[in-house]
């Protein structure tokens, strides 16, 4: 298997090269400073590891471009930012996997071997909470994350405050938390909530 790894940290890339020495025929490292698309296209490559945060570049966007030009490429995102929002984006663009950088070496080798054989590997239950919450519950959770009180949410959505409170209780139960603040934090982790100042 010919592997290219796109990552900011050469030492980490060397560690992955060592771990996969039994699987990789060739292993090439590419930093964010290089023209990543051209780098990959100019090399015989079966699998690309792509970091998501590449300083001034977005690994998800680069991955989407790569798969447009090389649709048969096995693209695996390897990141410490293990968020459901990223999992869903990776699935949507056609990646073969999303692995946490903290994965144990033996588990990592096993997952890459399975991807090599044609499996797709993503964290389990990435859609679980997203599917459980109704559109109205997602809307109310987003409004709460924006700083609106229950009454303000009720006024905005033209529903009663009691209805807002009932929705928030349902959200807490579905997300396995016991407060609105905890629900907001969990919502951010799952990609259900977007904070305006995050961009």
Protein backbone atom coordinates (compact mmCIF):
# COMPACT_ATOMS: atom_id res chain seq x y z
CA UNK A 1 0.00 0.00 0.00
CA UNK A 2 1.32 3.41 -1.02
CA UNK A 3 0.46 6.03 1.62
CA UNK A 4 0.68 9.81 1.68
CA UNK A 5 0.20 11.65 4.96
CA UNK A 6 -0.78 15.32 5.08
CA UNK A 7 -0.10 16.79 8.51
CA UNK A 8 1.53 19.76 10.20
CA UNK A 9 3.65 17.65 12.52
CA UNK A 10 6.47 15.68 10.96
CA UNK A 11 7.28 13.85 14.20
CA UNK A 12 3.71 12.52 14.37
CA UNK A 13 3.91 11.50 10.72
CA UNK A 14 7.12 9.58 11.44
CA UNK A 15 5.33 7.76 14.26
CA UNK A 16 2.54 6.70 11.91
CA UNK A 17 5.09 5.59 9.32
CA UNK A 18 6.74 3.38 11.94
CA UNK A 19 3.41 1.94 13.13
CA UNK A 20 2.38 1.06 9.56
CA UNK A 21 5.76 -0.22 8.42
CA UNK A 22 4.26 -3.69 7.92
CA UNK A 23 1.43 -2.40 5.73
CA UNK A 24 2.98 0.44 3.76
CA UNK A 25 4.98 -0.20 0.61
CA UNK A 26 5.83 3.51 0.49
CA UNK A 27 5.06 6.28 2.97
CA UNK A 28 5.41 9.93 1.98
CA UNK A 29 4.92 12.97 4.19
CA UNK A 30 3.42 16.23 2.97
CA UNK A 31 3.20 19.39 5.06
CA UNK A 32 0.66 22.21 4.77
CA UNK A 33 3.30 24.38 3.12
CA UNK A 34 3.31 22.32 -0.06
CA UNK A 35 0.72 22.25 -2.85
CA UNK A 36 -1.15 19.27 -1.44
CA UNK A 37 -3.33 18.40 -4.43
CA UNK A 38 -0.38 18.33 -6.82
CA UNK A 39 1.78 16.49 -4.28
CA UNK A 40 -0.72 13.65 -4.08
CA UNK A 41 -1.44 13.52 -7.83
CA UNK A 42 2.27 13.23 -8.65
CA UNK A 43 2.74 10.11 -6.54
CA UNK A 44 1.39 6.56 -6.84
CA UNK A 45 -0.97 6.55 -3.92
CA UNK A 46 -3.59 4.16 -2.53
CA UNK A 47 -4.40 5.92 0.73
CA UNK A 48 -4.12 9.48 2.03
CA UNK A 49 -4.18 10.45 5.70
CA UNK A 50 -5.47 13.99 6.04
CA UNK A 51 -5.35 16.20 9.11
CA UNK A 52 -8.26 18.65 9.43
CA UNK A 53 -6.53 21.71 10.86
CA UNK A 54 -3.57 22.59 8.63
CA UNK A 55 -2.77 26.11 9.85
CA UNK A 56 -4.21 28.26 7.06
CA UNK A 57 -5.81 25.33 5.21
CA UNK A 58 -8.91 23.23 5.83
CA UNK A 59 -8.29 19.50 5.47
CA UNK A 60 -11.95 18.76 4.78
CA UNK A 61 -12.00 21.18 1.85
CA UNK A 62 -8.73 19.79 0.48
CA UNK A 63 -10.07 16.26 0.88
CA UNK A 64 -13.18 17.13 -1.11
CA UNK A 65 -11.01 18.52 -3.92
CA UNK A 66 -8.81 15.40 -3.90
CA UNK A 67 -11.77 13.06 -4.20
CA UNK A 68 -13.18 15.04 -7.12
CA UNK A 69 -9.94 14.51 -9.02
CA UNK A 70 -9.12 11.04 -7.65
CA UNK A 71 -12.49 9.38 -6.89
CA UNK A 72 -10.96 5.94 -6.23
CA UNK A 73 -8.59 7.29 -3.58
CA UNK A 74 -8.98 5.96 -0.05
CA UNK A 75 -9.07 9.12 2.06
CA UNK A 76 -8.87 8.82 5.84
CA UNK A 77 -9.08 11.79 8.17
CA UNK A 78 -6.77 11.55 11.15
CA UNK A 79 -7.43 14.24 13.74
CA UNK A 80 -7.45 15.03 17.43
CA UNK A 81 -10.64 17.05 16.89
CA UNK A 82 -13.04 14.13 17.16
CA UNK A 83 -16.35 15.95 16.60
CA UNK A 84 -19.55 14.53 15.11
CA UNK A 85 -19.76 17.55 12.80
CA UNK A 86 -16.43 16.56 11.24
CA UNK A 87 -17.45 12.89 11.02
CA UNK A 88 -20.60 13.85 9.13
CA UNK A 89 -18.72 16.12 6.73
CA UNK A 90 -16.15 13.40 6.05
CA UNK A 91 -18.88 10.86 5.36
CA UNK A 92 -20.65 13.32 3.07
CA UNK A 93 -17.63 13.93 0.87
CA UNK A 94 -16.87 10.22 0.48
CA UNK A 95 -13.97 9.57 2.85
CA UNK A 96 -13.25 5.99 3.90
CA UNK A 97 -12.62 6.74 7.55
CA UNK A 98 -12.13 9.13 10.43
CA UNK A 99 -9.68 8.11 13.14
CA UNK A 100 -8.69 9.86 16.35
CA UNK A 101 -4.98 10.63 16.70
CA UNK A 102 -5.12 9.09 20.17
CA UNK A 103 -6.08 5.66 18.82
CA UNK A 104 -3.91 2.85 20.23
CA UNK A 105 -1.34 1.49 17.72
CA UNK A 106 -2.79 -2.05 17.52
CA UNK A 107 -6.31 -0.69 16.99
CA UNK A 108 -4.99 1.77 14.41
CA UNK A 109 -3.29 -0.98 12.41
CA UNK A 110 -6.45 -3.09 12.54
CA UNK A 111 -8.64 -0.25 11.27
CA UNK A 112 -6.27 0.66 8.44
CA UNK A 113 -6.09 -3.00 7.41
CA UNK A 114 -9.90 -3.09 7.24
CA UNK A 115 -10.03 0.13 5.23
CA UNK A 116 -7.45 -1.37 2.87
CA UNK A 117 -9.83 -4.30 2.32
CA UNK A 118 -12.70 -1.97 1.47
CA UNK A 119 -14.42 -1.16 4.79
CA UNK A 120 -15.32 2.33 5.91
CA UNK A 121 -14.42 3.16 9.51
CA UNK A 122 -16.08 5.99 11.42
CA UNK A 123 -16.75 6.52 15.13
CA UNK A 124 -19.89 4.69 16.18
CA UNK A 125 -23.18 6.47 16.73
CA UNK A 126 -22.10 9.69 15.06
CA UNK A 127 -25.72 10.21 13.94
CA UNK A 128 -27.36 8.94 17.12
CA UNK A 129 -28.10 12.24 18.85
CA UNK A 130 -28.56 14.18 15.64
CA UNK A 131 -31.33 11.81 14.58
CA UNK A 132 -32.97 11.73 18.02
CA UNK A 133 -33.48 15.47 18.32
CA UNK A 134 -36.38 16.91 16.36
CA UNK A 135 -35.92 19.97 14.16
CA UNK A 136 -37.78 22.05 16.73
CA UNK A 137 -35.52 20.79 19.54
CA UNK A 138 -32.42 21.63 17.49
CA UNK A 139 -33.85 25.09 16.86
CA UNK A 140 -34.50 25.66 20.56
CA UNK A 141 -31.07 24.37 21.56
CA UNK A 142 -29.45 26.73 19.06
CA UNK A 143 -31.52 29.63 20.40
CA UNK A 144 -30.49 28.80 23.97
CA UNK A 145 -26.85 28.66 22.87
CA UNK A 146 -27.30 32.15 21.40
CA UNK A 147 -28.11 33.45 24.87
CA UNK A 148 -31.88 33.76 24.64
CA UNK A 149 -33.97 33.13 27.76
CA UNK A 150 -36.87 30.68 27.71
CA UNK A 151 -39.34 33.56 27.35
CA UNK A 152 -37.34 35.11 24.52
CA UNK A 153 -37.23 31.77 22.74
CA UNK A 154 -40.98 31.41 23.22
CA UNK A 155 -41.61 34.89 21.81
CA UNK A 156 -39.31 34.27 18.84
CA UNK A 157 -40.90 30.94 17.92
CA UNK A 158 -44.48 31.97 18.80
CA UNK A 159 -44.93 29.20 21.35
CA UNK A 160 -45.51 29.22 25.09
CA UNK A 161 -42.72 29.30 27.65
CA UNK A 162 -44.08 26.00 29.04
CA UNK A 163 -43.60 24.43 25.62
CA UNK A 164 -40.02 25.72 25.47
CA UNK A 165 -39.34 24.28 28.91
CA UNK A 166 -40.80 20.92 27.87
CA UNK A 167 -38.57 20.86 24.80
CA UNK A 168 -35.49 21.67 26.89
CA UNK A 169 -36.30 18.85 29.29
CA UNK A 170 -36.66 16.47 26.34
CA UNK A 171 -33.33 17.67 24.96
CA UNK A 172 -31.61 17.09 28.30
CA UNK A 173 -32.99 13.56 28.44
CA UNK A 174 -31.94 12.71 24.87
CA UNK A 175 -28.44 14.11 25.35
CA UNK A 176 -28.07 12.49 28.78
CA UNK A 177 -27.40 15.79 30.57
CA UNK A 178 -29.10 17.58 33.45
CA UNK A 179 -28.99 21.27 32.51
CA UNK A 180 -29.37 23.57 29.53
CA UNK A 181 -25.71 24.63 29.81
CA UNK A 182 -24.62 20.99 29.63
CA UNK A 183 -26.96 20.44 26.68
CA UNK A 184 -25.38 23.39 24.84
CA UNK A 185 -21.88 22.05 25.48
CA UNK A 186 -22.93 18.60 24.27
CA UNK A 187 -24.60 20.18 21.27
CA UNK A 188 -21.37 21.93 20.32
CA UNK A 189 -19.44 18.66 20.62
CA UNK A 190 -21.95 16.91 18.35
CA UNK A 191 -22.07 19.71 15.80
CA UNK A 192 -25.72 20.47 16.60
CA UNK A 193 -24.93 23.96 17.83
CA UNK A 194 -22.92 26.65 16.09
CA UNK A 195 -21.55 29.62 17.98
CA UNK A 196 -21.31 32.81 15.94
CA UNK A 197 -17.88 33.72 17.32
CA UNK A 198 -16.39 30.32 16.43
CA UNK A 199 -15.70 31.32 12.84
